[in-house]
Amino acid sequence: METVPKEWVKSAVDLTEEERDRFIILDNTHAGEWDYLVLSKEWDKDCLADWGLEMKEPEPDKTAVSFSARKIPKGCLVKVILDSEGAAEQLAERLIKEGLKVEIK
């Protein structure tokens, strides 16, 4: 077949929330590594299992940090205290990617 029939193509705007979530998980199963701690906190475990994602126990020495720049009102100051400079730098990189201003002291 040289072309894909139009009825086979589905636009993302036509997906239900569950279909969109399923697509996000299935589209990312082939590359990278999962953060199982974040998955276990932010996704329904039964749905993940139904979609074929085998959940592993998160590493006990890691602490999940879940955040989104969209949930933090402008003008707020958030103070985070970490045990190591390396952890602070990693978190700072994540926050900067989310569009937040970061200052490490």
Protein backbone atom coordinates (compact mmCIF):
# COMPACT_ATOMS: atom_id res chain seq x y z
CA MET A 1 0.00 0.00 0.00
CA GLU A 2 1.42 3.39 -0.93
CA THR A 3 -1.02 5.58 0.99
CA VAL A 4 -2.90 5.24 4.25
CA PRO A 5 -6.70 5.31 3.92
CA LYS A 6 -8.18 8.38 5.61
CA GLU A 7 -10.49 6.24 7.78
CA TRP A 8 -7.39 4.71 9.43
CA VAL A 9 -6.12 8.09 10.60
CA LYS A 10 -7.43 9.58 13.81
CA SER A 11 -6.70 13.14 14.89
CA ALA A 12 -5.52 13.76 18.46
CA VAL A 13 -8.43 16.19 18.97
CA ASP A 14 -10.83 13.30 18.35
CA LEU A 15 -9.39 11.17 21.15
CA THR A 16 -11.09 10.78 24.50
CA GLU A 17 -9.02 11.52 27.60
CA GLU A 18 -8.48 7.79 28.19
CA GLU A 19 -7.47 7.22 24.54
CA ARG A 20 -5.03 10.14 24.76
CA ASP A 21 -3.49 8.79 27.99
CA ARG A 22 -3.18 5.31 26.46
CA PHE A 23 -1.51 6.76 23.38
CA ILE A 24 0.98 8.72 25.51
CA ILE A 25 2.03 5.57 27.38
CA LEU A 26 2.15 3.27 24.35
CA ASP A 27 4.00 5.84 22.26
CA ASN A 28 6.74 6.03 24.90
CA THR A 29 7.24 2.34 25.68
CA HIS A 30 9.97 1.86 23.09
CA ALA A 31 12.48 4.50 24.19
CA GLY A 32 14.12 5.68 27.38
CA GLU A 33 13.51 4.59 30.93
CA TRP A 34 10.35 4.95 32.99
CA ASP A 35 10.30 6.81 36.28
CA TYR A 36 8.17 4.22 38.08
CA LEU A 37 7.76 6.37 41.17
CA VAL A 38 6.19 9.18 39.12
CA LEU A 39 4.08 6.71 37.14
CA SER A 40 2.76 5.13 40.34
CA LYS A 41 1.75 8.54 41.71
CA GLU A 42 0.36 10.18 38.57
CA TRP A 43 -1.15 7.30 36.57
CA ASP A 44 -3.79 4.66 37.31
CA LYS A 45 -1.94 1.38 37.87
CA ASP A 46 -4.81 -0.72 36.47
CA CYS A 47 -4.84 1.31 33.24
CA LEU A 48 -1.08 0.98 32.88
CA ALA A 49 -1.37 -2.79 33.32
CA ASP A 50 -4.24 -2.96 30.79
CA TRP A 51 -2.04 -1.09 28.30
CA GLY A 52 0.77 -3.62 28.79
CA LEU A 53 3.14 -1.58 30.93
CA GLU A 54 4.64 -3.80 33.61
CA MET A 55 5.17 -1.68 36.70
CA LYS A 56 8.35 -2.15 38.69
CA GLU A 57 8.80 -1.16 42.29
CA PRO A 58 10.45 2.26 42.52
CA GLU A 59 13.90 2.42 44.01
CA PRO A 60 13.48 3.08 47.76
CA ASP A 61 16.34 5.58 47.96
CA LYS A 62 14.77 7.94 45.43
CA THR A 63 12.24 10.60 46.33
CA ALA A 64 9.79 11.65 43.66
CA VAL A 65 9.37 15.30 42.98
CA SER A 66 6.20 16.04 41.09
CA PHE A 67 5.62 19.59 39.93
CA SER A 68 4.34 21.65 37.09
CA ALA A 69 4.95 25.30 36.33
CA ARG A 70 1.27 25.56 35.42
CA LYS A 71 0.25 24.78 39.02
CA ILE A 72 2.53 27.30 40.73
CA PRO A 73 1.03 30.80 40.73
CA LYS A 74 3.27 33.58 39.43
CA GLY A 75 5.13 35.46 42.14
CA CYS A 76 5.35 32.50 44.52
CA LEU A 77 8.64 31.66 46.18
CA VAL A 78 9.24 27.97 46.72
CA LYS A 79 12.12 26.91 48.97
CA VAL A 80 13.49 23.39 48.55
CA ILE A 81 16.16 21.93 50.82
CA LEU A 82 18.14 19.00 49.43
CA ASP A 83 20.93 16.85 50.88
CA SER A 84 23.39 17.18 48.02
CA GLU A 85 24.57 19.72 45.49
CA GLY A 86 24.08 17.17 42.69
CA ALA A 87 20.43 16.67 43.62
CA ALA A 88 19.95 20.44 43.71
CA GLU A 89 21.45 20.81 40.23
CA GLN A 90 19.25 18.04 38.81
CA LEU A 91 16.13 19.57 40.30
CA ALA A 92 17.14 23.03 39.09
CA GLU A 93 17.46 21.70 35.53
CA ARG A 94 13.95 20.19 35.71
CA LEU A 95 12.46 23.40 37.10
CA ILE A 96 14.16 25.55 34.47
CA LYS A 97 12.74 23.26 31.75
CA GLU A 98 9.31 23.90 33.26
CA GLY A 99 9.85 27.64 32.79
CA LEU A 100 10.63 28.57 36.39
CA LYS A 101 13.38 30.83 37.67
CA VAL A 102 15.85 28.97 39.89
CA GLU A 103 18.45 30.20 42.36
CA ILE A 104 20.71 27.74 44.18
CA LYS A 105 22.29 28.88 47.47
